[in-house]
């Protein structure tokens, strides 16, 4: 006796084919061979993209997957990129795309859950078919705009060999100001607030912080729920961002208050993130900032164009874990 087809499984298969713009018709061996690779040669790219290993008999790949592999192979064959750099690019794209897709699917799931009546999978597919071309266009447009802005910014920040204090490795950037802002007492708030209230608070914080950073021409590096990280070209911009963040509308009871730490110095850039002593110093300063306060290191204070525009209060040297003694100061708007 043959089992009856599962309508939900069939609808999901159609939805997957719609999103991928191609059917799943190739095994890993077939996809690799079509791109001129062995499975072992293709696996680093798949894993970098965030794909799980699949069995040899499973139809898990499309012709567009083959085209993507062929593009990467062509770059390495023509000497445009070595394999390590190609994998690095794929990993950065995969991690970014995974987070974006997670947010979009979560939004779609909430819309379905809040619908007055059950929504059929066929209608979901129809809706996806209508919005996918627009989403794809917006994604490419946003990427190009950010690429144009960041390319010029990074070139301006990167010291050219022979024109600075020495030769620096790619990704080693000239001085910039990095900042962290987190919600003070978040662990306690998570215990006393309901899930909806907590979610609304975090969303308002992340959205408000992102708008402020963008409005000042800086870059939001990442959000970590109750914390955001940003990078600005100069201390004045970073301080302006911090003071504007403190003025964000405070939703909820108790009200949301932020702790912010800023540090200035050389940064190491890798896959869209930043590392190094300057980043660690900013993080440690955030940890010792009072709720509603902003702590800055000496380099940030020295880099302010008009120190008189702020109220700067010096503190006794503090020992920061893994860094040592730092003569930090708090900065606020003049009363």
C-alpha atoms as a PDB file:
ATOM      1  CA  UNK A   1       0.000   0.000   0.000  1.00  0.00           C
ATOM      2  CA  UNK A   2       1.426   3.371  -1.027  1.00  0.00           C
ATOM      3  CA  UNK A   3       1.389   6.135   1.551  1.00  0.00           C
ATOM      4  CA  UNK A   4      -0.707   9.129   0.597  1.00  0.00           C
ATOM      5  CA  UNK A   5       1.332  12.201  -0.298  1.00  0.00           C
ATOM      6  CA  UNK A   6       1.784  14.725   2.480  1.00  0.00           C
ATOM      7  CA  UNK A   7       0.247  18.023   1.278  1.00  0.00           C
ATOM      8  CA  UNK A   8       2.373  20.024   3.707  1.00  0.00           C
ATOM      9  CA  UNK A   9       5.584  18.373   2.513  1.00  0.00           C
ATOM     10  CA  UNK A  10       4.620  19.017  -1.094  1.00  0.00           C
ATOM     11  CA  UNK A  11       3.860  22.669  -0.321  1.00  0.00           C
ATOM     12  CA  UNK A  12       7.197  23.045   1.467  1.00  0.00           C
ATOM     13  CA  UNK A  13       9.002  21.504  -1.503  1.00  0.00           C
ATOM     14  CA  UNK A  14       7.321  23.971  -3.848  1.00  0.00           C
ATOM     15  CA  UNK A  15       8.174  26.856  -1.533  1.00  0.00           C
ATOM     16  CA  UNK A  16      11.827  25.763  -1.369  1.00  0.00           C
ATOM     17  CA  UNK A  17      12.027  25.537  -5.157  1.00  0.00           C
ATOM     18  CA  UNK A  18      10.447  28.989  -5.405  1.00  0.00           C
ATOM     19  CA  UNK A  19      12.932  30.577  -3.020  1.00  0.00           C
ATOM     20  CA  UNK A  20      15.938  28.862  -4.602  1.00  0.00           C
ATOM     21  CA  UNK A  21      14.655  29.632  -8.116  1.00  0.00           C
ATOM     22  CA  UNK A  22      15.635  26.075  -9.057  1.00  0.00           C
ATOM     23  CA  UNK A  23      14.684  22.545  -7.984  1.00  0.00           C
ATOM     24  CA  UNK A  24      16.806  20.377  -5.694  1.00  0.00           C
ATOM     25  CA  UNK A  25      17.922  17.842  -8.286  1.00  0.00           C
ATOM     26  CA  UNK A  26      21.608  17.113  -7.659  1.00  0.00           C
ATOM     27  CA  UNK A  27      23.516  15.079  -5.089  1.00  0.00           C
ATOM     28  CA  UNK A  28      26.712  16.463  -3.581  1.00  0.00           C
ATOM     29  CA  UNK A  29      28.773  14.299  -5.953  1.00  0.00           C
ATOM     30  CA  UNK A  30      26.856  15.509  -9.010  1.00  0.00           C
ATOM     31  CA  UNK A  31      27.043  19.164  -7.982  1.00  0.00           C
ATOM     32  CA  UNK A  32      30.769  18.959  -7.264  1.00  0.00           C
ATOM     33  CA  UNK A  33      31.522  17.183 -10.535  1.00  0.00           C
ATOM     34  CA  UNK A  34      29.470  19.694 -12.530  1.00  0.00           C
ATOM     35  CA  UNK A  35      31.630  22.471 -11.086  1.00  0.00           C
ATOM     36  CA  UNK A  36      34.824  20.561 -11.856  1.00  0.00           C
ATOM     37  CA  UNK A  37      35.563  19.732  -8.219  1.00  0.00           C
ATOM     38  CA  UNK A  38      35.638  16.731  -5.951  1.00  0.00           C
ATOM     39  CA  UNK A  39      33.366  16.650  -2.920  1.00  0.00           C
ATOM     40  CA  UNK A  40      36.381  17.298  -0.683  1.00  0.00           C
ATOM     41  CA  UNK A  41      37.334  20.347  -2.748  1.00  0.00           C
ATOM     42  CA  UNK A  42      33.787  21.732  -2.678  1.00  0.00           C
ATOM     43  CA  UNK A  43      33.130  21.048   1.014  1.00  0.00           C
ATOM     44  CA  UNK A  44      35.135  24.069   2.372  1.00  0.00           C
ATOM     45  CA  UNK A  45      32.959  26.418   0.308  1.00  0.00           C
ATOM     46  CA  UNK A  46      29.712  24.744   1.422  1.00  0.00           C
ATOM     47  CA  UNK A  47      30.713  24.807   5.073  1.00  0.00           C
ATOM     48  CA  UNK A  48      31.842  28.434   4.803  1.00  0.00           C
ATOM     49  CA  UNK A  49      28.414  29.260   3.413  1.00  0.00           C
ATOM     50  CA  UNK A  50      26.884  27.549   6.453  1.00  0.00           C
ATOM     51  CA  UNK A  51      25.508  24.438   4.727  1.00  0.00           C
ATOM     52  CA  UNK A  52      25.392  21.199   6.712  1.00  0.00           C
ATOM     53  CA  UNK A  53      27.005  18.050   5.348  1.00  0.00           C
ATOM     54  CA  UNK A  54      24.454  15.892   3.521  1.00  0.00           C
ATOM     55  CA  UNK A  55      24.411  12.231   2.561  1.00  0.00           C
ATOM     56  CA  UNK A  56      25.610  11.179  -0.842  1.00  0.00           C
ATOM     57  CA  UNK A  57      22.168  10.005  -1.974  1.00  0.00           C
ATOM     58  CA  UNK A  58      20.253  13.112  -1.013  1.00  0.00           C
ATOM     59  CA  UNK A  59      19.122  15.594  -3.669  1.00  0.00           C
ATOM     60  CA  UNK A  60      20.216  18.747  -1.877  1.00  0.00           C
ATOM     61  CA  UNK A  61      21.751  20.964  -4.572  1.00  0.00           C
ATOM     62  CA  UNK A  62      20.553  23.032  -7.508  1.00  0.00           C
ATOM     63  CA  UNK A  63      22.059  24.200 -10.779  1.00  0.00           C
ATOM     64  CA  UNK A  64      22.500  27.634  -9.194  1.00  0.00           C
ATOM     65  CA  UNK A  65      24.679  26.017  -6.507  1.00  0.00           C
ATOM     66  CA  UNK A  66      26.849  24.663  -9.318  1.00  0.00           C
ATOM     67  CA  UNK A  67      27.044  28.124 -10.921  1.00  0.00           C
ATOM     68  CA  UNK A  68      28.185  29.624  -7.605  1.00  0.00           C
ATOM     69  CA  UNK A  69      30.920  26.997  -7.258  1.00  0.00           C
ATOM     70  CA  UNK A  70      32.022  27.586 -10.848  1.00  0.00           C
ATOM     71  CA  UNK A  71      32.298  31.322 -10.154  1.00  0.00           C
ATOM     72  CA  UNK A  72      34.537  30.712  -7.146  1.00  0.00           C
ATOM     73  CA  UNK A  73      36.658  28.179  -9.028  1.00  0.00           C
ATOM     74  CA  UNK A  74      37.060  30.676 -11.856  1.00  0.00           C
ATOM     75  CA  UNK A  75      38.300  33.357  -9.475  1.00  0.00           C
ATOM     76  CA  UNK A  76      40.924  31.065  -7.981  1.00  0.00           C
ATOM     77  CA  UNK A  77      41.912  29.620 -11.387  1.00  0.00           C
ATOM     78  CA  UNK A  78      42.380  33.113 -12.864  1.00  0.00           C
ATOM     79  CA  UNK A  79      44.421  34.279  -9.888  1.00  0.00           C
ATOM     80  CA  UNK A  80      41.932  36.912  -8.727  1.00  0.00           C
ATOM     81  CA  UNK A  81      41.768  35.230  -5.304  1.00  0.00           C
ATOM     82  CA  UNK A  82      43.554  32.364  -3.632  1.00  0.00           C
ATOM     83  CA  UNK A  83      41.417  29.622  -2.097  1.00  0.00           C
ATOM     84  CA  UNK A  84      41.770  30.984   1.456  1.00  0.00           C
ATOM     85  CA  UNK A  85      40.467  34.422   0.429  1.00  0.00           C
ATOM     86  CA  UNK A  86      37.657  32.896  -1.608  1.00  0.00           C
ATOM     87  CA  UNK A  87      36.542  30.851   1.404  1.00  0.00           C
ATOM     88  CA  UNK A  88      36.777  33.978   3.586  1.00  0.00           C
ATOM     89  CA  UNK A  89      34.458  35.873   1.223  1.00  0.00           C
ATOM     90  CA  UNK A  90      32.010  32.991   1.144  1.00  0.00           C
ATOM     91  CA  UNK A  91      32.025  32.721   4.947  1.00  0.00           C
ATOM     92  CA  UNK A  92      31.307  36.433   5.394  1.00  0.00           C
ATOM     93  CA  UNK A  93      28.444  36.237   2.893  1.00  0.00           C
ATOM     94  CA  UNK A  94      27.085  33.075   4.485  1.00  0.00           C
ATOM     95  CA  UNK A  95      27.085  34.453   8.021  1.00  0.00           C
ATOM     96  CA  UNK A  96      25.474  37.719   6.957  1.00  0.00           C
ATOM     97  CA  UNK A  97      22.882  36.013   4.782  1.00  0.00           C
ATOM     98  CA  UNK A  98      22.061  33.508   7.535  1.00  0.00           C
ATOM     99  CA  UNK A  99      21.283  36.253  10.015  1.00  0.00           C
ATOM    100  CA  UNK A 100      19.257  38.226   7.462  1.00  0.00           C
ATOM    101  CA  UNK A 101      17.255  35.148   6.476  1.00  0.00           C
ATOM    102  CA  UNK A 102      16.671  34.281  10.126  1.00  0.00           C
ATOM    103  CA  UNK A 103      15.231  37.737  10.783  1.00  0.00           C
ATOM    104  CA  UNK A 104      13.025  37.626   7.682  1.00  0.00           C
ATOM    105  CA  UNK A 105      11.676  34.141   8.424  1.00  0.00           C
ATOM    106  CA  UNK A 106      11.054  35.101  12.055  1.00  0.00           C
ATOM    107  CA  UNK A 107       9.067  38.109  10.860  1.00  0.00           C
ATOM    108  CA  UNK A 108       7.080  35.941   8.471  1.00  0.00           C
ATOM    109  CA  UNK A 109       6.373  33.387  11.218  1.00  0.00           C
ATOM    110  CA  UNK A 110       5.061  36.114  13.524  1.00  0.00           C
ATOM    111  CA  UNK A 111       2.806  37.430  10.778  1.00  0.00           C
ATOM    112  CA  UNK A 112       1.391  33.936  10.242  1.00  0.00           C
ATOM    113  CA  UNK A 113       0.969  33.364  13.978  1.00  0.00           C
ATOM    114  CA  UNK A 114      -0.898  36.655  14.401  1.00  0.00           C
ATOM    115  CA  UNK A 115      -3.269  36.025  11.489  1.00  0.00           C
ATOM    116  CA  UNK A 116      -6.957  35.816  12.420  1.00  0.00           C
ATOM    117  CA  UNK A 117      -7.391  32.590  10.459  1.00  0.00           C
ATOM    118  CA  UNK A 118      -5.007  29.724   9.578  1.00  0.00           C
ATOM    119  CA  UNK A 119      -2.985  30.545   6.469  1.00  0.00           C
ATOM    120  CA  UNK A 120      -2.583  27.896   3.788  1.00  0.00           C
ATOM    121  CA  UNK A 121       0.915  27.087   2.566  1.00  0.00           C
ATOM    122  CA  UNK A 122      -0.173  27.834  -0.997  1.00  0.00           C
ATOM    123  CA  UNK A 123      -0.983  31.405   0.012  1.00  0.00           C
ATOM    124  CA  UNK A 124       2.394  31.704   1.711  1.00  0.00           C
ATOM    125  CA  UNK A 125       4.042  30.645  -1.530  1.00  0.00           C
ATOM    126  CA  UNK A 126       2.036  33.165  -3.516  1.00  0.00           C
ATOM    127  CA  UNK A 127       3.028  35.919  -1.115  1.00  0.00           C
ATOM    128  CA  UNK A 128       6.699  34.914  -1.306  1.00  0.00           C
ATOM    129  CA  UNK A 129       6.551  34.934  -5.107  1.00  0.00           C
ATOM    130  CA  UNK A 130       5.277  38.503  -5.019  1.00  0.00           C
ATOM    131  CA  UNK A 131       7.828  39.950  -2.601  1.00  0.00           C
ATOM    132  CA  UNK A 132      10.990  37.963  -3.458  1.00  0.00           C
ATOM    133  CA  UNK A 133      12.024  40.027  -6.518  1.00  0.00           C
ATOM    134  CA  UNK A 134      11.611  43.228  -4.535  1.00  0.00           C
ATOM    135  CA  UNK A 135      13.525  41.862  -1.539  1.00  0.00           C
ATOM    136  CA  UNK A 136      16.353  40.743  -3.808  1.00  0.00           C
ATOM    137  CA  UNK A 137      16.490  44.168  -5.463  1.00  0.00           C
ATOM    138  CA  UNK A 138      16.525  45.961  -2.104  1.00  0.00           C
ATOM    139  CA  UNK A 139      19.238  43.633  -0.773  1.00  0.00           C
ATOM    140  CA  UNK A 140      21.545  44.313  -3.719  1.00  0.00           C
ATOM    141  CA  UNK A 141      20.806  48.042  -3.551  1.00  0.00           C
ATOM    142  CA  UNK A 142      21.608  48.235   0.181  1.00  0.00           C
ATOM    143  CA  UNK A 143      24.769  46.185  -0.315  1.00  0.00           C
ATOM    144  CA  UNK A 144      26.025  48.442  -3.101  1.00  0.00           C
ATOM    145  CA  UNK A 145      25.318  51.581  -1.079  1.00  0.00           C
ATOM    146  CA  UNK A 146      27.156  50.234   1.967  1.00  0.00           C
ATOM    147  CA  UNK A 147      30.020  48.942  -0.187  1.00  0.00           C
ATOM    148  CA  UNK A 148      30.492  52.363  -1.795  1.00  0.00           C
ATOM    149  CA  UNK A 149      30.440  54.152   1.568  1.00  0.00           C
ATOM    150  CA  UNK A 150      32.663  51.689   3.415  1.00  0.00           C
ATOM    151  CA  UNK A 151      35.220  51.295   0.616  1.00  0.00           C
ATOM    152  CA  UNK A 152      36.013  54.993   0.681  1.00  0.00           C
ATOM    153  CA  UNK A 153      36.003  55.070   4.475  1.00  0.00           C
ATOM    154  CA  UNK A 154      38.369  52.115   4.821  1.00  0.00           C
ATOM    155  CA  UNK A 155      40.755  53.483   2.207  1.00  0.00           C
ATOM    156  CA  UNK A 156      40.842  56.772   4.104  1.00  0.00           C
ATOM    157  CA  UNK A 157      41.508  54.968   7.398  1.00  0.00           C
ATOM    158  CA  UNK A 158      44.151  52.550   6.063  1.00  0.00           C
ATOM    159  CA  UNK A 159      47.714  53.783   6.098  1.00  0.00           C
ATOM    160  CA  UNK A 160      49.511  53.433   2.766  1.00  0.00           C
ATOM    161  CA  UNK A 161      52.907  51.678   3.039  1.00  0.00           C
ATOM    162  CA  UNK A 162      55.687  54.247   2.969  1.00  0.00           C
ATOM    163  CA  UNK A 163      53.411  57.142   3.921  1.00  0.00           C
ATOM    164  CA  UNK A 164      52.764  56.396   7.586  1.00  0.00           C
ATOM    165  CA  UNK A 165      54.672  55.202  10.555  1.00  0.00           C
ATOM    166  CA  UNK A 166      55.413  51.906   8.881  1.00  0.00           C
ATOM    167  CA  UNK A 167      53.968  49.124   6.814  1.00  0.00           C
ATOM    168  CA  UNK A 168      50.787  47.546   8.161  1.00  0.00           C
ATOM    169  CA  UNK A 169      49.148  44.309   7.256  1.00  0.00           C
ATOM    170  CA  UNK A 170      45.838  44.385   5.333  1.00  0.00           C
ATOM    171  CA  UNK A 171      43.040  44.803   7.843  1.00  0.00           C
ATOM    172  CA  UNK A 172      45.248  46.865  10.179  1.00  0.00           C
ATOM    173  CA  UNK A 173      43.474  50.227  10.185  1.00  0.00           C
ATOM    174  CA  UNK A 174      44.689  53.656  11.198  1.00  0.00           C
ATOM    175  CA  UNK A 175      43.200  55.194  14.322  1.00  0.00           C
ATOM    176  CA  UNK A 176      39.422  55.111  14.696  1.00  0.00           C
ATOM    177  CA  UNK A 177      37.059  55.220  17.656  1.00  0.00           C
ATOM    178  CA  UNK A 178      35.149  52.103  18.640  1.00  0.00           C
ATOM    179  CA  UNK A 179      32.223  52.091  21.022  1.00  0.00           C
ATOM    180  CA  UNK A 180      30.042  49.629  22.891  1.00  0.00           C
ATOM    181  CA  UNK A 181      26.638  50.459  24.326  1.00  0.00           C
ATOM    182  CA  UNK A 182      24.711  48.028  26.474  1.00  0.00           C
ATOM    183  CA  UNK A 183      21.503  48.049  28.468  1.00  0.00           C
ATOM    184  CA  UNK A 184      22.356  48.470  32.135  1.00  0.00           C
ATOM    185  CA  UNK A 185      20.954  45.769  34.413  1.00  0.00           C
ATOM    186  CA  UNK A 186      19.738  43.662  31.518  1.00  0.00           C
ATOM    187  CA  UNK A 187      19.931  40.392  33.454  1.00  0.00           C
ATOM    188  CA  UNK A 188      17.676  41.799  36.175  1.00  0.00           C
ATOM    189  CA  UNK A 189      15.301  43.276  33.589  1.00  0.00           C
ATOM    190  CA  UNK A 190      15.060  39.905  31.890  1.00  0.00           C
ATOM    191  CA  UNK A 191      13.802  38.428  35.168  1.00  0.00           C
ATOM    192  CA  UNK A 192      11.158  41.058  35.900  1.00  0.00           C
ATOM    193  CA  UNK A 193       9.844  41.840  32.416  1.00  0.00           C
ATOM    194  CA  UNK A 194       7.561  39.641  30.352  1.00  0.00           C
ATOM    195  CA  UNK A 195       8.807  38.215  27.060  1.00  0.00           C
ATOM    196  CA  UNK A 196       6.859  40.737  24.975  1.00  0.00           C
ATOM    197  CA  UNK A 197       8.103  43.691  27.046  1.00  0.00           C
ATOM    198  CA  UNK A 198      11.702  42.464  26.911  1.00  0.00           C
ATOM    199  CA  UNK A 199      11.516  41.891  23.164  1.00  0.00           C
ATOM    200  CA  UNK A 200      10.023  45.347  22.590  1.00  0.00           C
ATOM    201  CA  UNK A 201      12.735  46.964  24.721  1.00  0.00           C
ATOM    202  CA  UNK A 202      15.584  45.234  22.867  1.00  0.00           C
ATOM    203  CA  UNK A 203      14.059  45.986  19.474  1.00  0.00           C
ATOM    204  CA  UNK A 204      13.583  49.662  20.351  1.00  0.00           C
ATOM    205  CA  UNK A 205      17.189  49.863  21.596  1.00  0.00           C
ATOM    206  CA  UNK A 206      18.696  48.180  18.542  1.00  0.00           C
ATOM    207  CA  UNK A 207      16.563  50.168  16.092  1.00  0.00           C
ATOM    208  CA  UNK A 208      17.234  53.496  17.808  1.00  0.00           C
ATOM    209  CA  UNK A 209      20.966  52.800  18.096  1.00  0.00           C
ATOM    210  CA  UNK A 210      21.208  51.798  14.425  1.00  0.00           C
ATOM    211  CA  UNK A 211      19.435  54.985  13.324  1.00  0.00           C
ATOM    212  CA  UNK A 212      21.725  57.166  15.437  1.00  0.00           C
ATOM    213  CA  UNK A 213      24.911  55.480  14.197  1.00  0.00           C
ATOM    214  CA  UNK A 214      23.813  55.760  10.559  1.00  0.00           C
ATOM    215  CA  UNK A 215      22.748  59.382  11.042  1.00  0.00           C
ATOM    216  CA  UNK A 216      26.251  60.271  12.259  1.00  0.00           C
ATOM    217  CA  UNK A 217      27.899  58.582   9.282  1.00  0.00           C
ATOM    218  CA  UNK A 218      29.442  55.820  11.390  1.00  0.00           C
ATOM    219  CA  UNK A 219      29.107  52.053  11.107  1.00  0.00           C
ATOM    220  CA  UNK A 220      27.091  49.674  13.276  1.00  0.00           C
ATOM    221  CA  UNK A 221      29.362  46.637  13.468  1.00  0.00           C
ATOM    222  CA  UNK A 222      27.020  44.235  15.250  1.00  0.00           C
ATOM    223  CA  UNK A 223      24.180  43.889  17.712  1.00  0.00           C
ATOM    224  CA  UNK A 224      24.244  41.390  20.550  1.00  0.00           C
ATOM    225  CA  UNK A 225      20.767  41.671  21.994  1.00  0.00           C
ATOM    226  CA  UNK A 226      21.421  43.998  24.903  1.00  0.00           C
ATOM    227  CA  UNK A 227      24.600  45.458  23.375  1.00  0.00           C
ATOM    228  CA  UNK A 228      25.670  47.164  20.150  1.00  0.00           C
ATOM    229  CA  UNK A 229      29.132  47.843  18.767  1.00  0.00           C
ATOM    230  CA  UNK A 230      29.942  50.732  16.431  1.00  0.00           C
ATOM    231  CA  UNK A 231      32.968  52.359  14.813  1.00  0.00           C
ATOM    232  CA  UNK A 232      33.416  56.044  13.987  1.00  0.00           C
ATOM    233  CA  UNK A 233      36.184  57.819  12.139  1.00  0.00           C
ATOM    234  CA  UNK A 234      36.901  60.283  14.960  1.00  0.00           C
ATOM    235  CA  UNK A 235      36.235  60.776  18.685  1.00  0.00           C
ATOM    236  CA  UNK A 236      33.814  63.699  18.215  1.00  0.00           C
ATOM    237  CA  UNK A 237      31.526  61.572  16.061  1.00  0.00           C
ATOM    238  CA  UNK A 238      31.679  58.690  18.538  1.00  0.00           C
ATOM    239  CA  UNK A 239      30.899  60.949  21.508  1.00  0.00           C
ATOM    240  CA  UNK A 240      28.024  62.496  19.572  1.00  0.00           C
ATOM    241  CA  UNK A 241      26.635  59.008  18.957  1.00  0.00           C
ATOM    242  CA  UNK A 242      26.986  58.064  22.629  1.00  0.00           C
ATOM    243  CA  UNK A 243      25.247  61.189  23.914  1.00  0.00           C
ATOM    244  CA  UNK A 244      22.437  60.765  21.377  1.00  0.00           C
ATOM    245  CA  UNK A 245      21.959  57.146  22.448  1.00  0.00           C
ATOM    246  CA  UNK A 246      21.511  58.222  26.051  1.00  0.00           C
ATOM    247  CA  UNK A 247      18.686  60.467  24.853  1.00  0.00           C
ATOM    248  CA  UNK A 248      16.764  57.596  23.241  1.00  0.00           C
ATOM    249  CA  UNK A 249      13.158  57.354  24.464  1.00  0.00           C
ATOM    250  CA  UNK A 250      13.069  55.197  27.583  1.00  0.00           C
ATOM    251  CA  UNK A 251      10.340  52.633  27.277  1.00  0.00           C
ATOM    252  CA  UNK A 252       9.107  50.432  30.091  1.00  0.00           C
ATOM    253  CA  UNK A 253       9.131  50.445  33.834  1.00  0.00           C
ATOM    254  CA  UNK A 254      11.892  50.527  34.996  1.00  0.00           C
ATOM    255  CA  UNK A 255      13.208  52.780  32.181  1.00  0.00           C
ATOM    256  CA  UNK A 256      15.999  51.641  29.895  1.00  0.00           C
ATOM    257  CA  UNK A 257      19.422  53.111  30.717  1.00  0.00           C
ATOM    258  CA  UNK A 258      22.645  52.532  28.809  1.00  0.00           C
ATOM    259  CA  UNK A 259      26.310  52.129  29.671  1.00  0.00           C
ATOM    260  CA  UNK A 260      28.723  53.209  26.930  1.00  0.00           C
ATOM    261  CA  UNK A 261      32.488  52.893  26.543  1.00  0.00           C
ATOM    262  CA  UNK A 262      34.656  54.525  23.850  1.00  0.00           C
ATOM    263  CA  UNK A 263      38.293  53.925  22.939  1.00  0.00           C
ATOM    264  CA  UNK A 264      40.467  55.290  20.142  1.00  0.00           C
ATOM    265  CA  UNK A 265      43.367  53.576  18.447  1.00  0.00           C
ATOM    266  CA  UNK A 266      44.370  51.126  15.758  1.00  0.00           C
ATOM    267  CA  UNK A 267      41.843  48.445  14.848  1.00  0.00           C
ATOM    268  CA  UNK A 268      42.223  45.061  13.228  1.00  0.00           C
ATOM    269  CA  UNK A 269      39.451  44.353  10.714  1.00  0.00           C
ATOM    270  CA  UNK A 270      38.417  40.829   9.784  1.00  0.00           C
ATOM    271  CA  UNK A 271      35.236  39.685   8.005  1.00  0.00           C
ATOM    272  CA  UNK A 272      33.308  42.827   8.896  1.00  0.00           C
ATOM    273  CA  UNK A 273      34.263  42.756  12.580  1.00  0.00           C
ATOM    274  CA  UNK A 274      37.002  44.533  14.520  1.00  0.00           C
ATOM    275  CA  UNK A 275      39.531  43.218  17.022  1.00  0.00           C
ATOM    276  CA  UNK A 276      42.560  44.304  18.993  1.00  0.00           C
ATOM    277  CA  UNK A 277      43.501  46.171  22.149  1.00  0.00           C
ATOM    278  CA  UNK A 278      41.407  49.227  21.255  1.00  0.00           C
ATOM    279  CA  UNK A 279      38.268  47.095  21.003  1.00  0.00           C
ATOM    280  CA  UNK A 280      39.065  45.340  24.280  1.00  0.00           C
ATOM    281  CA  UNK A 281      39.627  48.679  25.988  1.00  0.00           C
ATOM    282  CA  UNK A 282      36.254  50.019  24.825  1.00  0.00           C
ATOM    283  CA  UNK A 283      34.536  46.868  26.059  1.00  0.00           C
ATOM    284  CA  UNK A 284      36.183  47.095  29.489  1.00  0.00           C
ATOM    285  CA  UNK A 285      35.252  50.783  29.789  1.00  0.00           C
ATOM    286  CA  UNK A 286      31.639  49.906  29.059  1.00  0.00           C
ATOM    287  CA  UNK A 287      31.701  47.423  31.923  1.00  0.00           C
ATOM    288  CA  UNK A 288      32.776  50.087  34.442  1.00  0.00           C
ATOM    289  CA  UNK A 289      30.517  52.876  33.136  1.00  0.00           C
ATOM    290  CA  UNK A 290      27.614  53.883  35.371  1.00  0.00           C
ATOM    291  CA  UNK A 291      24.056  53.485  34.046  1.00  0.00           C
ATOM    292  CA  UNK A 292      23.384  56.513  31.881  1.00  0.00           C
ATOM    293  CA  UNK A 293      27.118  57.280  31.601  1.00  0.00           C
ATOM    294  CA  UNK A 294      29.840  57.216  28.931  1.00  0.00           C
ATOM    295  CA  UNK A 295      33.465  56.347  29.689  1.00  0.00           C
ATOM    296  CA  UNK A 296      36.306  57.347  27.357  1.00  0.00           C
ATOM    297  CA  UNK A 297      39.994  56.509  27.270  1.00  0.00           C
ATOM    298  CA  UNK A 298      42.774  59.169  27.121  1.00  0.00           C
ATOM    299  CA  UNK A 299      43.193  58.787  23.352  1.00  0.00           C
ATOM    300  CA  UNK A 300      39.530  59.582  22.796  1.00  0.00           C
ATOM    301  CA  UNK A 301      39.713  62.652  25.031  1.00  0.00           C
ATOM    302  CA  UNK A 302      42.881  63.866  23.311  1.00  0.00           C
ATOM    303  CA  UNK A 303      41.246  63.472  19.913  1.00  0.00           C
ATOM    304  CA  UNK A 304      38.235  65.675  20.686  1.00  0.00           C
ATOM    305  CA  UNK A 305      38.201  68.718  18.435  1.00  0.00           C
ATOM    306  CA  UNK A 306      36.568  70.951  21.042  1.00  0.00           C
ATOM    307  CA  UNK A 307      36.856  69.466  24.550  1.00  0.00           C
ATOM    308  CA  UNK A 308      34.993  72.499  25.886  1.00  0.00           C
ATOM    309  CA  UNK A 309      31.859  71.311  24.100  1.00  0.00           C
ATOM    310  CA  UNK A 310      31.579  68.480  26.631  1.00  0.00           C
ATOM    311  CA  UNK A 311      31.634  68.046  30.361  1.00  0.00           C
ATOM    312  CA  UNK A 312      34.639  65.768  30.978  1.00  0.00           C
ATOM    313  CA  UNK A 313      35.193  64.371  34.452  1.00  0.00           C
ATOM    314  CA  UNK A 314      38.428  62.520  35.145  1.00  0.00           C
ATOM    315  CA  UNK A 315      38.523  59.439  37.323  1.00  0.00           C
ATOM    316  CA  UNK A 316      41.340  57.815  39.214  1.00  0.00           C
ATOM    317  CA  UNK A 317      43.250  55.217  37.174  1.00  0.00           C
ATOM    318  CA  UNK A 318      41.380  51.934  36.979  1.00  0.00           C
ATOM    319  CA  UNK A 319      42.837  48.479  36.388  1.00  0.00           C
ATOM    320  CA  UNK A 320      41.025  46.984  33.413  1.00  0.00           C
ATOM    321  CA  UNK A 321      41.146  43.211  33.075  1.00  0.00           C
ATOM    322  CA  UNK A 322      43.758  42.147  30.527  1.00  0.00           C
ATOM    323  CA  UNK A 323      44.789  45.751  29.815  1.00  0.00           C
ATOM    324  CA  UNK A 324      46.231  47.320  32.971  1.00  0.00           C
ATOM    325  CA  UNK A 325      45.809  50.790  34.458  1.00  0.00           C
ATOM    326  CA  UNK A 326      43.794  53.239  32.350  1.00  0.00           C
ATOM    327  CA  UNK A 327      43.113  56.879  33.234  1.00  0.00           C
ATOM    328  CA  UNK A 328      39.511  56.954  32.114  1.00  0.00           C
ATOM    329  CA  UNK A 329      37.116  59.876  32.079  1.00  0.00           C
ATOM    330  CA  UNK A 330      33.360  60.257  31.811  1.00  0.00           C
ATOM    331  CA  UNK A 331      31.864  62.582  29.214  1.00  0.00           C
ATOM    332  CA  UNK A 332      28.437  64.189  29.115  1.00  0.00           C
ATOM    333  CA  UNK A 333      26.638  67.242  27.792  1.00  0.00           C
ATOM    334  CA  UNK A 334      27.361  70.515  29.614  1.00  0.00           C
ATOM    335  CA  UNK A 335      24.605  71.401  32.055  1.00  0.00           C
END
